[in-house]
Amino acid sequence: MKGCYMALTIGFQGLPDTIGGDIITKALGWIKPEKPDFLIFDPEAKKTGFEDGGRTLHIAYPKLDKKIYVKLDDFGDAETLSECIGRPIRSQYAVTFMLPEER
């Protein structure tokens, strides 16, 4: 997904750079305003597949110790998102990368 604001939680930032970077690259390629708008990178999943009518993509990712969630939020317009984050931005979309306990 191009043109979005990315938020990386403290827990996500603690991942090794190669794994975090790989997850960001893959997530931005899969996540969309239409569907899926929620991704689960899961070390225990045997295969990658959709859930919730296509809203959630559950991704087999054995390199992790625990799940990583990626959530897309639509703020409606760039002005609203800019107000929420406290600086000007040209997108209405925010993508958050987080651990389950940071949800």
Protein backbone atom coordinates (compact mmCIF):
# COMPACT_ATOMS: atom_id res chain seq x y z
CA MET A 1 0.00 0.00 0.00
CA LYS A 2 1.45 3.33 -1.01
CA GLY A 3 0.79 6.64 0.66
CA CYS A 4 0.11 5.66 4.24
CA TYR A 5 1.34 6.68 7.68
CA MET A 6 3.14 3.83 9.46
CA ALA A 7 3.13 3.41 13.22
CA LEU A 8 5.57 0.90 14.72
CA THR A 9 4.93 0.02 18.36
CA ILE A 10 7.77 -0.39 20.87
CA GLY A 11 7.34 -4.16 20.79
CA PHE A 12 7.50 -4.30 17.00
CA GLN A 13 10.58 -2.07 17.00
CA GLY A 14 12.28 -4.70 19.19
CA LEU A 15 12.25 -7.27 16.37
CA PRO A 16 15.47 -7.92 14.49
CA ASP A 17 15.76 -5.46 11.59
CA THR A 18 15.69 -8.19 8.94
CA ILE A 19 12.44 -9.67 10.27
CA GLY A 20 10.77 -6.31 10.94
CA GLY A 21 11.75 -5.04 7.50
CA ASP A 22 10.48 -8.19 5.81
CA ILE A 23 7.13 -7.95 7.64
CA ILE A 24 6.75 -4.27 6.68
CA THR A 25 7.51 -5.02 3.02
CA LYS A 26 5.10 -7.95 2.87
CA ALA A 27 2.37 -6.16 4.82
CA LEU A 28 2.42 -3.06 2.61
CA GLY A 29 2.05 -5.34 -0.41
CA TRP A 30 -0.99 -7.16 1.01
CA ILE A 31 -2.96 -4.69 3.12
CA LYS A 32 -5.64 -2.65 1.34
CA PRO A 33 -8.50 -0.30 2.21
CA GLU A 34 -10.93 -2.78 0.63
CA LYS A 35 -9.72 -6.15 2.03
CA PRO A 36 -7.70 -7.39 3.79
CA ASP A 37 -7.36 -4.58 6.31
CA PHE A 38 -5.97 -6.75 9.11
CA LEU A 39 -2.98 -9.10 8.91
CA ILE A 40 -1.73 -11.69 11.39
CA PHE A 41 1.84 -12.92 10.98
CA ASP A 42 1.72 -16.21 12.89
CA PRO A 43 4.66 -18.50 13.73
CA GLU A 44 2.32 -21.43 14.40
CA ALA A 45 0.17 -21.20 11.26
CA LYS A 46 0.67 -24.02 8.79
CA LYS A 47 -0.58 -22.08 5.77
CA THR A 48 -1.54 -18.58 4.70
CA GLY A 49 -5.23 -17.90 4.18
CA PHE A 50 -8.12 -15.47 4.51
CA GLU A 51 -10.61 -15.27 7.37
CA ASP A 52 -13.62 -13.09 8.21
CA GLY A 53 -14.88 -12.93 4.63
CA GLY A 54 -11.51 -11.75 3.35
CA ARG A 55 -11.04 -8.97 5.93
CA THR A 56 -8.19 -10.78 7.73
CA LEU A 57 -5.17 -12.43 6.12
CA HIS A 58 -3.55 -15.00 8.42
CA ILE A 59 0.07 -15.44 7.29
CA ALA A 60 2.28 -18.40 8.12
CA TYR A 61 5.55 -16.85 9.32
CA PRO A 62 7.74 -19.32 11.26
CA LYS A 63 10.60 -16.84 11.85
CA LEU A 64 8.71 -15.22 14.76
CA ASP A 65 8.45 -16.18 18.42
CA LYS A 66 4.95 -14.69 18.69
CA LYS A 67 2.28 -13.23 16.44
CA ILE A 68 2.48 -9.78 14.87
CA TYR A 69 -0.67 -7.84 14.03
CA VAL A 70 -0.89 -5.25 11.26
CA LYS A 71 -3.98 -3.04 11.18
CA LEU A 72 -5.11 -0.51 8.59
CA ASP A 73 -7.20 2.43 9.80
CA ASP A 74 -9.04 4.82 7.50
CA PHE A 75 -9.36 8.29 9.04
CA GLY A 76 -11.62 9.54 6.22
CA ASP A 77 -9.30 12.32 5.07
CA ALA A 78 -5.72 13.50 5.45
CA GLU A 79 -6.69 16.46 7.63
CA THR A 80 -8.23 14.21 10.30
CA LEU A 81 -5.19 11.90 10.39
CA SER A 82 -2.88 14.92 10.50
CA GLU A 83 -4.75 16.25 13.54
CA CYS A 84 -4.52 12.84 15.25
CA ILE A 85 -0.76 12.49 14.81
CA GLY A 86 0.05 16.15 15.32
CA ARG A 87 1.71 16.93 12.01
CA PRO A 88 0.69 17.38 8.38
CA ILE A 89 0.38 14.22 6.32
CA ARG A 90 -1.04 13.59 2.85
CA SER A 91 -2.84 10.32 3.54
CA GLN A 92 -6.03 9.27 5.23
CA TYR A 93 -4.63 5.80 6.04
CA ALA A 94 -2.54 4.65 8.99
CA VAL A 95 -0.96 1.19 9.21
CA THR A 96 0.00 0.01 12.70
CA PHE A 97 2.48 -2.82 13.33
CA MET A 98 2.13 -4.31 16.83
CA LEU A 99 2.45 -7.28 19.13
CA PRO A 100 -0.80 -8.87 20.40
CA GLU A 101 -0.36 -7.42 23.89
CA GLU A 102 -0.05 -3.90 22.41
CA ARG A 103 -3.43 -4.11 20.72
